[in-house]
Amino acid sequence: MAPKTEKELSEESRAAWLKALCAMQLKNYAYVIQLTQGILQKEPNFLAARELLRKAESKTDHPKGPPPGDGSPPSPGTIAPVKPSSPTAGAGLEKFSDDEKSIGN
């Protein structure tokens, strides 16, 4: 099937498309995603909607899809140890650990 153009859309889909374009200009990415997903359910060959959907998803804080990587925890060698910024930065931690031990008893 050939890709559809804006002129080939139904009235309902064209109205949703124009709303999606306006929402994109207003940076209302969640609404753009909602509108374009609805358009693509009815008009899967409308590539401009697919492109706008991807652009809106890339602008959101929580993109859909799996997180990067394979989901396994990082290996111990990939995490750098945290070093205190000054010699006294970690001094209170030892005392806190002793206090914590006495709470459990």
PDB file of N, CA and C in Angstrom:
ATOM      1  N   MET A   1       0.829  -1.188   0.000  1.00  0.00           N
ATOM      2  CA  MET A   1       0.000   0.000   0.000  1.00  0.00           C
ATOM      3  C   MET A   1       0.873   1.251   0.000  1.00  0.00           C
ATOM      4  N   ALA A   2       0.410   2.235  -0.696  1.00  0.00           N
ATOM      5  CA  ALA A   2       1.147   3.499  -0.786  1.00  0.00           C
ATOM      6  C   ALA A   2       0.837   4.365   0.432  1.00  0.00           C
ATOM      7  N   PRO A   3       1.799   5.156   0.858  1.00  0.00           N
ATOM      8  CA  PRO A   3       1.555   6.055   1.990  1.00  0.00           C
ATOM      9  C   PRO A   3       0.448   7.064   1.667  1.00  0.00           C
ATOM     10  N   LYS A   4      -0.364   7.364   2.672  1.00  0.00           N
ATOM     11  CA  LYS A   4      -1.442   8.326   2.492  1.00  0.00           C
ATOM     12  C   LYS A   4      -0.931   9.731   2.734  1.00  0.00           C
ATOM     13  N   THR A   5      -1.564  10.675   2.087  1.00  0.00           N
ATOM     14  CA  THR A   5      -1.261  12.082   2.319  1.00  0.00           C
ATOM     15  C   THR A   5      -2.395  12.695   3.135  1.00  0.00           C
ATOM     16  N   GLU A   6      -2.166  13.910   3.589  1.00  0.00           N
ATOM     17  CA  GLU A   6      -3.179  14.607   4.387  1.00  0.00           C
ATOM     18  C   GLU A   6      -4.482  14.766   3.609  1.00  0.00           C
ATOM     19  N   LYS A   7      -4.390  14.990   2.326  1.00  0.00           N
ATOM     20  CA  LYS A   7      -5.578  15.180   1.486  1.00  0.00           C
ATOM     21  C   LYS A   7      -6.422  13.910   1.380  1.00  0.00           C
ATOM     22  N   GLU A   8      -5.800  12.757   1.548  1.00  0.00           N
ATOM     23  CA  GLU A   8      -6.506  11.484   1.420  1.00  0.00           C
ATOM     24  C   GLU A   8      -7.158  11.021   2.717  1.00  0.00           C
ATOM     25  N   LEU A   9      -6.989  11.758   3.788  1.00  0.00           N
ATOM     26  CA  LEU A   9      -7.565  11.372   5.075  1.00  0.00           C
ATOM     27  C   LEU A   9      -9.065  11.627   5.108  1.00  0.00           C
ATOM     28  N   SER A  10      -9.754  10.887   5.970  1.00  0.00           N
ATOM     29  CA  SER A  10     -11.171  11.153   6.199  1.00  0.00           C
ATOM     30  C   SER A  10     -11.298  12.481   6.950  1.00  0.00           C
ATOM     31  N   GLU A  11     -12.498  13.045   6.961  1.00  0.00           N
ATOM     32  CA  GLU A  11     -12.716  14.323   7.669  1.00  0.00           C
ATOM     33  C   GLU A  11     -12.340  14.207   9.137  1.00  0.00           C
ATOM     34  N   GLU A  12     -12.736  13.115   9.754  1.00  0.00           N
ATOM     35  CA  GLU A  12     -12.456  12.903  11.184  1.00  0.00           C
ATOM     36  C   GLU A  12     -10.949  12.816  11.441  1.00  0.00           C
ATOM     37  N   SER A  13     -10.257  12.060  10.621  1.00  0.00           N
ATOM     38  CA  SER A  13      -8.812  11.918  10.790  1.00  0.00           C
ATOM     39  C   SER A  13      -8.087  13.222  10.486  1.00  0.00           C
ATOM     40  N   ARG A  14      -8.564  13.956   9.492  1.00  0.00           N
ATOM     41  CA  ARG A  14      -7.939  15.226   9.156  1.00  0.00           C
ATOM     42  C   ARG A  14      -8.102  16.238  10.297  1.00  0.00           C
ATOM     43  N   ALA A  15      -9.272  16.254  10.927  1.00  0.00           N
ATOM     44  CA  ALA A  15      -9.500  17.157  12.069  1.00  0.00           C
ATOM     45  C   ALA A  15      -8.563  16.797  13.228  1.00  0.00           C
ATOM     46  N   ALA A  16      -8.413  15.500  13.488  1.00  0.00           N
ATOM     47  CA  ALA A  16      -7.501  15.056  14.551  1.00  0.00           C
ATOM     48  C   ALA A  16      -6.055  15.411  14.203  1.00  0.00           C
ATOM     49  N   TRP A  17      -5.694  15.295  12.926  1.00  0.00           N
ATOM     50  CA  TRP A  17      -4.338  15.626  12.474  1.00  0.00           C
ATOM     51  C   TRP A  17      -4.036  17.097  12.703  1.00  0.00           C
ATOM     52  N   LEU A  18      -4.983  17.972  12.354  1.00  0.00           N
ATOM     53  CA  LEU A  18      -4.778  19.406  12.554  1.00  0.00           C
ATOM     54  C   LEU A  18      -4.660  19.746  14.045  1.00  0.00           C
ATOM     55  N   LYS A  19      -5.450  19.061  14.872  1.00  0.00           N
ATOM     56  CA  LYS A  19      -5.334  19.256  16.325  1.00  0.00           C
ATOM     57  C   LYS A  19      -3.962  18.807  16.818  1.00  0.00           C
ATOM     58  N   ALA A  20      -3.481  17.689  16.277  1.00  0.00           N
ATOM     59  CA  ALA A  20      -2.171  17.174  16.685  1.00  0.00           C
ATOM     60  C   ALA A  20      -1.059  18.151  16.302  1.00  0.00           C
ATOM     61  N   LEU A  21      -1.167  18.748  15.114  1.00  0.00           N
ATOM     62  CA  LEU A  21      -0.164  19.723  14.702  1.00  0.00           C
ATOM     63  C   LEU A  21      -0.167  20.946  15.613  1.00  0.00           C
ATOM     64  N   CYS A  22      -1.356  21.415  15.981  1.00  0.00           N
ATOM     65  CA  CYS A  22      -1.460  22.556  16.897  1.00  0.00           C
ATOM     66  C   CYS A  22      -0.913  22.199  18.275  1.00  0.00           C
ATOM     67  N   ALA A  23      -1.235  21.000  18.748  1.00  0.00           N
ATOM     68  CA  ALA A  23      -0.754  20.558  20.054  1.00  0.00           C
ATOM     69  C   ALA A  23       0.773  20.451  20.064  1.00  0.00           C
ATOM     70  N   MET A  24       1.348  20.057  18.946  1.00  0.00           N
ATOM     71  CA  MET A  24       2.809  19.966  18.854  1.00  0.00           C
ATOM     72  C   MET A  24       3.429  21.355  18.962  1.00  0.00           C
ATOM     73  N   GLN A  25       2.819  22.344  18.319  1.00  0.00           N
ATOM     74  CA  GLN A  25       3.328  23.707  18.414  1.00  0.00           C
ATOM     75  C   GLN A  25       3.249  24.237  19.838  1.00  0.00           C
ATOM     76  N   LEU A  26       2.232  23.786  20.576  1.00  0.00           N
ATOM     77  CA  LEU A  26       2.059  24.211  21.974  1.00  0.00           C
ATOM     78  C   LEU A  26       2.843  23.332  22.949  1.00  0.00           C
ATOM     79  N   LYS A  27       3.583  22.368  22.416  1.00  0.00           N
ATOM     80  CA  LYS A  27       4.403  21.440  23.203  1.00  0.00           C
ATOM     81  C   LYS A  27       3.571  20.593  24.169  1.00  0.00           C
ATOM     82  N   ASN A  28       2.355  20.281  23.753  1.00  0.00           N
ATOM     83  CA  ASN A  28       1.489  19.398  24.521  1.00  0.00           C
ATOM     84  C   ASN A  28       1.681  17.988  23.971  1.00  0.00           C
ATOM     85  N   TYR A  29       2.814  17.395  24.317  1.00  0.00           N
ATOM     86  CA  TYR A  29       3.241  16.145  23.708  1.00  0.00           C
ATOM     87  C   TYR A  29       2.331  14.969  24.050  1.00  0.00           C
ATOM     88  N   ALA A  30       1.790  14.946  25.240  1.00  0.00           N
ATOM     89  CA  ALA A  30       0.900  13.844  25.618  1.00  0.00           C
ATOM     90  C   ALA A  30      -0.343  13.839  24.731  1.00  0.00           C
ATOM     91  N   TYR A  31      -0.878  15.009  24.432  1.00  0.00           N
ATOM     92  CA  TYR A  31      -2.056  15.104  23.578  1.00  0.00           C
ATOM     93  C   TYR A  31      -1.704  14.739  22.137  1.00  0.00           C
ATOM     94  N   VAL A  32      -0.526  15.136  21.692  1.00  0.00           N
ATOM     95  CA  VAL A  32      -0.075  14.767  20.342  1.00  0.00           C
ATOM     96  C   VAL A  32      -0.007  13.245  20.227  1.00  0.00           C
ATOM     97  N   ILE A  33       0.543  12.609  21.241  1.00  0.00           N
ATOM     98  CA  ILE A  33       0.669  11.146  21.233  1.00  0.00           C
ATOM     99  C   ILE A  33      -0.708  10.507  21.177  1.00  0.00           C
ATOM    100  N   GLN A  34      -1.624  11.001  21.997  1.00  0.00           N
ATOM    101  CA  GLN A  34      -2.983  10.459  22.029  1.00  0.00           C
ATOM    102  C   GLN A  34      -3.670  10.605  20.665  1.00  0.00           C
ATOM    103  N   LEU A  35      -3.576  11.785  20.086  1.00  0.00           N
ATOM    104  CA  LEU A  35      -4.227  12.034  18.798  1.00  0.00           C
ATOM    105  C   LEU A  35      -3.616  11.195  17.673  1.00  0.00           C
ATOM    106  N   THR A  36      -2.296  11.180  17.600  1.00  0.00           N
ATOM    107  CA  THR A  36      -1.655  10.461  16.492  1.00  0.00           C
ATOM    108  C   THR A  36      -1.845   8.949  16.602  1.00  0.00           C
ATOM    109  N   GLN A  37      -1.906   8.432  17.818  1.00  0.00           N
ATOM    110  CA  GLN A  37      -2.178   7.001  17.959  1.00  0.00           C
ATOM    111  C   GLN A  37      -3.578   6.664  17.445  1.00  0.00           C
ATOM    112  N   GLY A  38      -4.538   7.543  17.731  1.00  0.00           N
ATOM    113  CA  GLY A  38      -5.890   7.340  17.214  1.00  0.00           C
ATOM    114  C   GLY A  38      -5.947   7.416  15.700  1.00  0.00           C
ATOM    115  N   ILE A  39      -5.219   8.370  15.138  1.00  0.00           N
ATOM    116  CA  ILE A  39      -5.175   8.504  13.676  1.00  0.00           C
ATOM    117  C   ILE A  39      -4.575   7.247  13.050  1.00  0.00           C
ATOM    118  N   LEU A  40      -3.478   6.768  13.639  1.00  0.00           N
ATOM    119  CA  LEU A  40      -2.783   5.616  13.057  1.00  0.00           C
ATOM    120  C   LEU A  40      -3.582   4.322  13.180  1.00  0.00           C
ATOM    121  N   GLN A  41      -4.500   4.246  14.142  1.00  0.00           N
ATOM    122  CA  GLN A  41      -5.364   3.063  14.215  1.00  0.00           C
ATOM    123  C   GLN A  41      -6.311   3.024  13.015  1.00  0.00           C
ATOM    124  N   LYS A  42      -6.764   4.209  12.596  1.00  0.00           N
ATOM    125  CA  LYS A  42      -7.690   4.282  11.462  1.00  0.00           C
ATOM    126  C   LYS A  42      -6.961   4.372  10.120  1.00  0.00           C
ATOM    127  N   GLU A  43      -5.819   5.040  10.133  1.00  0.00           N
ATOM    128  CA  GLU A  43      -5.061   5.284   8.894  1.00  0.00           C
ATOM    129  C   GLU A  43      -3.602   4.848   9.075  1.00  0.00           C
ATOM    130  N   PRO A  44      -3.312   3.543   9.114  1.00  0.00           N
ATOM    131  CA  PRO A  44      -1.945   3.077   9.391  1.00  0.00           C
ATOM    132  C   PRO A  44      -0.917   3.479   8.341  1.00  0.00           C
ATOM    133  N   ASN A  45      -1.346   3.868   7.149  1.00  0.00           N
ATOM    134  CA  ASN A  45      -0.408   4.253   6.083  1.00  0.00           C
ATOM    135  C   ASN A  45      -0.127   5.747   6.049  1.00  0.00           C
ATOM    136  N   PHE A  46      -0.607   6.488   7.040  1.00  0.00           N
ATOM    137  CA  PHE A  46      -0.364   7.928   7.081  1.00  0.00           C
ATOM    138  C   PHE A  46       0.963   8.154   7.812  1.00  0.00           C
ATOM    139  N   LEU A  47       2.043   8.196   7.048  1.00  0.00           N
ATOM    140  CA  LEU A  47       3.393   8.231   7.610  1.00  0.00           C
ATOM    141  C   LEU A  47       3.704   9.525   8.344  1.00  0.00           C
ATOM    142  N   ALA A  48       3.094  10.639   7.957  1.00  0.00           N
ATOM    143  CA  ALA A  48       3.345  11.907   8.638  1.00  0.00           C
ATOM    144  C   ALA A  48       2.900  11.825  10.101  1.00  0.00           C
ATOM    145  N   ALA A  49       1.805  11.103  10.358  1.00  0.00           N
ATOM    146  CA  ALA A  49       1.339  10.927  11.740  1.00  0.00           C
ATOM    147  C   ALA A  49       2.334  10.063  12.525  1.00  0.00           C
ATOM    148  N   ARG A  50       2.869   9.051  11.876  1.00  0.00           N
ATOM    149  CA  ARG A  50       3.852   8.187  12.540  1.00  0.00           C
ATOM    150  C   ARG A  50       5.113   8.978  12.894  1.00  0.00           C
ATOM    151  N   GLU A  51       5.535   9.838  11.985  1.00  0.00           N
ATOM    152  CA  GLU A  51       6.719  10.666  12.250  1.00  0.00           C
ATOM    153  C   GLU A  51       6.464  11.653  13.394  1.00  0.00           C
ATOM    154  N   LEU A  52       5.272  12.265  13.396  1.00  0.00           N
ATOM    155  CA  LEU A  52       4.934  13.207  14.463  1.00  0.00           C
ATOM    156  C   LEU A  52       4.838  12.481  15.804  1.00  0.00           C
ATOM    157  N   LEU A  53       4.289  11.278  15.790  1.00  0.00           N
ATOM    158  CA  LEU A  53       4.197  10.475  17.011  1.00  0.00           C
ATOM    159  C   LEU A  53       5.580  10.199  17.584  1.00  0.00           C
ATOM    160  N   ARG A  54       6.502   9.799  16.749  1.00  0.00           N
ATOM    161  CA  ARG A  54       7.866   9.512  17.221  1.00  0.00           C
ATOM    162  C   ARG A  54       8.549  10.758  17.758  1.00  0.00           C
ATOM    163  N   LYS A  55       8.331  11.878  17.104  1.00  0.00           N
ATOM    164  CA  LYS A  55       8.928  13.124  17.566  1.00  0.00           C
ATOM    165  C   LYS A  55       8.357  13.516  18.934  1.00  0.00           C
ATOM    166  N   ALA A  56       7.044  13.373  19.099  1.00  0.00           N
ATOM    167  CA  ALA A  56       6.405  13.713  20.376  1.00  0.00           C
ATOM    168  C   ALA A  56       6.877  12.774  21.481  1.00  0.00           C
ATOM    169  N   GLU A  57       7.004  11.488  21.169  1.00  0.00           N
ATOM    170  CA  GLU A  57       7.483  10.529  22.164  1.00  0.00           C
ATOM    171  C   GLU A  57       8.919  10.839  22.583  1.00  0.00           C
ATOM    172  N   SER A  58       9.724  11.310  21.662  1.00  0.00           N
ATOM    173  CA  SER A  58      11.114  11.613  21.999  1.00  0.00           C
ATOM    174  C   SER A  58      11.215  12.863  22.873  1.00  0.00           C
ATOM    175  N   LYS A  59      10.198  13.721  22.850  1.00  0.00           N
ATOM    176  CA  LYS A  59      10.216  14.947  23.643  1.00  0.00           C
ATOM    177  C   LYS A  59       9.683  14.739  25.059  1.00  0.00           C
ATOM    178  N   THR A  60       9.005  13.637  25.315  1.00  0.00           N
ATOM    179  CA  THR A  60       8.431  13.405  26.635  1.00  0.00           C
ATOM    180  C   THR A  60       9.490  12.902  27.598  1.00  0.00           C
ATOM    181  N   ASP A  61       9.215  13.062  28.881  1.00  0.00           N
ATOM    182  CA  ASP A  61      10.144  12.606  29.916  1.00  0.00           C
ATOM    183  C   ASP A  61      10.152  11.092  30.043  1.00  0.00           C
ATOM    184  N   HIS A  62       9.035  10.462  29.720  1.00  0.00           N
ATOM    185  CA  HIS A  62       8.917   9.021  29.882  1.00  0.00           C
ATOM    186  C   HIS A  62       8.552   8.380  28.554  1.00  0.00           C
ATOM    187  N   PRO A  63       9.540   8.156  27.712  1.00  0.00           N
ATOM    188  CA  PRO A  63       9.237   7.530  26.441  1.00  0.00           C
ATOM    189  C   PRO A  63       8.730   6.114  26.634  1.00  0.00           C
ATOM    190  N   LYS A  64       7.880   5.686  25.735  1.00  0.00           N
ATOM    191  CA  LYS A  64       7.342   4.332  25.836  1.00  0.00           C
ATOM    192  C   LYS A  64       8.375   3.339  25.328  1.00  0.00           C
ATOM    193  N   GLY A  65       8.226   2.097  25.789  1.00  0.00           N
ATOM    194  CA  GLY A  65       9.137   1.067  25.339  1.00  0.00           C
ATOM    195  C   GLY A  65      10.069   0.634  26.458  1.00  0.00           C
ATOM    196  N   PRO A  66      10.817  -0.407  26.217  1.00  0.00           N
ATOM    197  CA  PRO A  66      11.705  -0.926  27.247  1.00  0.00           C
ATOM    198  C   PRO A  66      12.868   0.032  27.526  1.00  0.00           C
ATOM    199  N   PRO A  67      13.389   0.011  28.739  1.00  0.00           N
ATOM    200  CA  PRO A  67      14.540   0.861  29.043  1.00  0.00           C
ATOM    201  C   PRO A  67      15.764   0.389  28.275  1.00  0.00           C
ATOM    202  N   PRO A  68      16.750   1.264  28.084  1.00  0.00           N
ATOM    203  CA  PRO A  68      17.949   0.838  27.363  1.00  0.00           C
ATOM    204  C   PRO A  68      18.676  -0.280  28.091  1.00  0.00           C
ATOM    205  N   GLY A  69      19.340  -1.123  27.346  1.00  0.00           N
ATOM    206  CA  GLY A  69      20.074  -2.246  27.934  1.00  0.00           C
ATOM    207  C   GLY A  69      19.218  -3.494  27.935  1.00  0.00           C
ATOM    208  N   ASP A  70      19.758  -4.557  28.506  1.00  0.00           N
ATOM    209  CA  ASP A  70      19.039  -5.826  28.506  1.00  0.00           C
ATOM    210  C   ASP A  70      18.287  -6.085  29.808  1.00  0.00           C
ATOM    211  N   GLY A  71      18.286  -5.144  30.734  1.00  0.00           N
ATOM    212  CA  GLY A  71      17.545  -5.295  31.975  1.00  0.00           C
ATOM    213  C   GLY A  71      18.331  -5.939  33.096  1.00  0.00           C
ATOM    214  N   SER A  72      19.532  -6.432  32.804  1.00  0.00           N
ATOM    215  CA  SER A  72      20.328  -7.047  33.861  1.00  0.00           C
ATOM    216  C   SER A  72      21.069  -5.957  34.643  1.00  0.00           C
ATOM    217  N   PRO A  73      21.352  -6.214  35.924  1.00  0.00           N
ATOM    218  CA  PRO A  73      22.072  -5.205  36.709  1.00  0.00           C
ATOM    219  C   PRO A  73      23.489  -5.018  36.182  1.00  0.00           C
ATOM    220  N   PRO A  74      24.060  -3.835  36.390  1.00  0.00           N
ATOM    221  CA  PRO A  74      25.417  -3.603  35.890  1.00  0.00           C
ATOM    222  C   PRO A  74      26.427  -4.479  36.619  1.00  0.00           C
ATOM    223  N   SER A  75      27.486  -4.840  35.929  1.00  0.00           N
ATOM    224  CA  SER A  75      28.528  -5.644  36.557  1.00  0.00           C
ATOM    225  C   SER A  75      29.305  -4.777  37.551  1.00  0.00           C
ATOM    226  N   PRO A  76      29.894  -5.384  38.585  1.00  0.00           N
ATOM    227  CA  PRO A  76      30.592  -4.607  39.610  1.00  0.00           C
ATOM    228  C   PRO A  76      31.703  -3.722  39.066  1.00  0.00           C
ATOM    229  N   GLY A  77      32.331  -4.090  38.001  1.00  0.00           N
ATOM    230  CA  GLY A  77      33.425  -3.302  37.456  1.00  0.00           C
ATOM    231  C   GLY A  77      32.974  -2.027  36.756  1.00  0.00           C
ATOM    232  N   THR A  78      31.667  -1.910  36.438  1.00  0.00           N
ATOM    233  CA  THR A  78      31.192  -0.727  35.709  1.00  0.00           C
ATOM    234  C   THR A  78      30.792   0.412  36.631  1.00  0.00           C
ATOM    235  N   ILE A  79      30.662   0.151  37.915  1.00  0.00           N
ATOM    236  CA  ILE A  79      30.263   1.193  38.858  1.00  0.00           C
ATOM    237  C   ILE A  79      31.500   1.682  39.600  1.00  0.00           C
ATOM    238  N   ALA A  80      31.781   2.971  39.496  1.00  0.00           N
ATOM    239  CA  ALA A  80      32.942   3.545  40.167  1.00  0.00           C
ATOM    240  C   ALA A  80      32.610   3.796  41.641  1.00  0.00           C
ATOM    241  N   PRO A  81      33.535   3.495  42.555  1.00  0.00           N
ATOM    242  CA  PRO A  81      33.271   3.758  43.970  1.00  0.00           C
ATOM    243  C   PRO A  81      33.193   5.262  44.229  1.00  0.00           C
ATOM    244  N   VAL A  82      32.377   5.635  45.202  1.00  0.00           N
ATOM    245  CA  VAL A  82      32.212   7.036  45.559  1.00  0.00           C
ATOM    246  C   VAL A  82      33.283   7.397  46.580  1.00  0.00           C
ATOM    247  N   LYS A  83      34.000   8.469  46.297  1.00  0.00           N
ATOM    248  CA  LYS A  83      35.050   8.917  47.204  1.00  0.00           C
ATOM    249  C   LYS A  83      34.573  10.175  47.921  1.00  0.00           C
ATOM    250  N   PRO A  84      34.815  10.283  49.229  1.00  0.00           N
ATOM    251  CA  PRO A  84      34.417  11.499  49.926  1.00  0.00           C
ATOM    252  C   PRO A  84      35.202  12.696  49.397  1.00  0.00           C
ATOM    253  N   SER A  85      34.543  13.870  49.405  1.00  0.00           N
ATOM    254  CA  SER A  85      35.184  15.056  48.859  1.00  0.00           C
ATOM    255  C   SER A  85      36.200  15.655  49.832  1.00  0.00           C
ATOM    256  N   SER A  86      36.086  15.345  51.108  1.00  0.00           N
ATOM    257  CA  SER A  86      37.055  15.837  52.081  1.00  0.00           C
ATOM    258  C   SER A  86      37.328  14.730  53.097  1.00  0.00           C
ATOM    259  N   PRO A  87      38.447  14.811  53.858  1.00  0.00           N
ATOM    260  CA  PRO A  87      38.774  13.754  54.816  1.00  0.00           C
ATOM    261  C   PRO A  87      37.709  13.579  55.898  1.00  0.00           C
ATOM    262  N   THR A  88      36.979  14.608  56.240  1.00  0.00           N
ATOM    263  CA  THR A  88      35.975  14.500  57.298  1.00  0.00           C
ATOM    264  C   THR A  88      34.591  14.186  56.759  1.00  0.00           C
ATOM    265  N   ALA A  89      34.427  14.045  55.437  1.00  0.00           N
ATOM    266  CA  ALA A  89      33.104  13.832  54.853  1.00  0.00           C
ATOM    267  C   ALA A  89      32.492  12.520  55.316  1.00  0.00           C
ATOM    268  N   GLY A  90      33.251  11.475  55.468  1.00  0.00           N
ATOM    269  CA  GLY A  90      32.703  10.186  55.863  1.00  0.00           C
ATOM    270  C   GLY A  90      32.836   9.885  57.341  1.00  0.00           C
ATOM    271  N   ALA A  91      33.301  10.837  58.155  1.00  0.00           N
ATOM    272  CA  ALA A  91      33.554  10.580  59.570  1.00  0.00           C
ATOM    273  C   ALA A  91      32.286  10.229  60.326  1.00  0.00           C
ATOM    274  N   GLY A  92      31.177  10.851  60.031  1.00  0.00           N
ATOM    275  CA  GLY A  92      29.939  10.591  60.754  1.00  0.00           C
ATOM    276  C   GLY A  92      29.294   9.271  60.398  1.00  0.00           C
ATOM    277  N   LEU A  93      29.690   8.669  59.303  1.00  0.00           N
ATOM    278  CA  LEU A  93      29.081   7.424  58.878  1.00  0.00           C
ATOM    279  C   LEU A  93      29.431   6.268  59.799  1.00  0.00           C
ATOM    280  N   GLU A  94      30.651   6.229  60.298  1.00  0.00           N
ATOM    281  CA  GLU A  94      31.049   5.148  61.188  1.00  0.00           C
ATOM    282  C   GLU A  94      30.260   5.215  62.482  1.00  0.00           C
ATOM    283  N   LYS A  95      30.071   6.403  63.017  1.00  0.00           N
ATOM    284  CA  LYS A  95      29.305   6.559  64.242  1.00  0.00           C
ATOM    285  C   LYS A  95      27.859   6.167  63.994  1.00  0.00           C
ATOM    286  N   PHE A  96      27.310   6.540  62.852  1.00  0.00           N
ATOM    287  CA  PHE A  96      25.936   6.202  62.520  1.00  0.00           C
ATOM    288  C   PHE A  96      25.772   4.690  62.436  1.00  0.00           C
ATOM    289  N   SER A  97      26.760   4.010  61.867  1.00  0.00           N
ATOM    290  CA  SER A  97      26.691   2.565  61.762  1.00  0.00           C
ATOM    291  C   SER A  97      26.687   1.921  63.135  1.00  0.00           C
ATOM    292  N   ASP A  98      27.483   2.422  64.090  1.00  0.00           N
ATOM    293  CA  ASP A  98      27.508   1.886  65.446  1.00  0.00           C
ATOM    294  C   ASP A  98      26.173   2.126  66.130  1.00  0.00           C
ATOM    295  N   ASP A  99      25.604   3.323  65.951  1.00  0.00           N
ATOM    296  CA  ASP A  99      24.309   3.630  66.547  1.00  0.00           C
ATOM    297  C   ASP A  99      23.236   2.710  65.967  1.00  0.00           C
ATOM    298  N   GLU A 100      23.315   2.461  64.706  1.00  0.00           N
ATOM    299  CA  GLU A 100      22.328   1.613  64.053  1.00  0.00           C
ATOM    300  C   GLU A 100      22.393   0.194  64.588  1.00  0.00           C
ATOM    301  N   LYS A 101      23.578  -0.302  64.897  1.00  0.00           N
ATOM    302  CA  LYS A 101      23.731  -1.649  65.436  1.00  0.00           C
ATOM    303  C   LYS A 101      23.094  -1.733  66.805  1.00  0.00           C
ATOM    304  N   SER A 102      23.231  -0.685  67.618  1.00  0.00           N
ATOM    305  CA  SER A 102      22.663  -0.741  68.968  1.00  0.00           C
ATOM    306  C   SER A 102      21.150  -0.648  68.946  1.00  0.00           C
ATOM    307  N   ILE A 103      20.558  -0.073  67.920  1.00  0.00           N
ATOM    308  CA  ILE A 103      19.105   0.022  67.824  1.00  0.00           C
ATOM    309  C   ILE A 103      18.518  -1.359  67.612  1.00  0.00           C
ATOM    310  N   GLY A 104      19.160  -2.173  66.831  1.00  0.00           N
ATOM    311  CA  GLY A 104      18.648  -3.501  66.530  1.00  0.00           C
ATOM    312  C   GLY A 104      18.680  -4.445  67.722  1.00  0.00           C
ATOM    313  N   ASN A 105      19.453  -4.179  68.753  1.00  0.00           N
ATOM    314  CA  ASN A 105      19.558  -5.090  69.903  1.00  0.00           C
ATOM    315  C   ASN A 105      18.510  -4.854  70.931  1.00  0.00           C
TER     316      ASN A 105
END
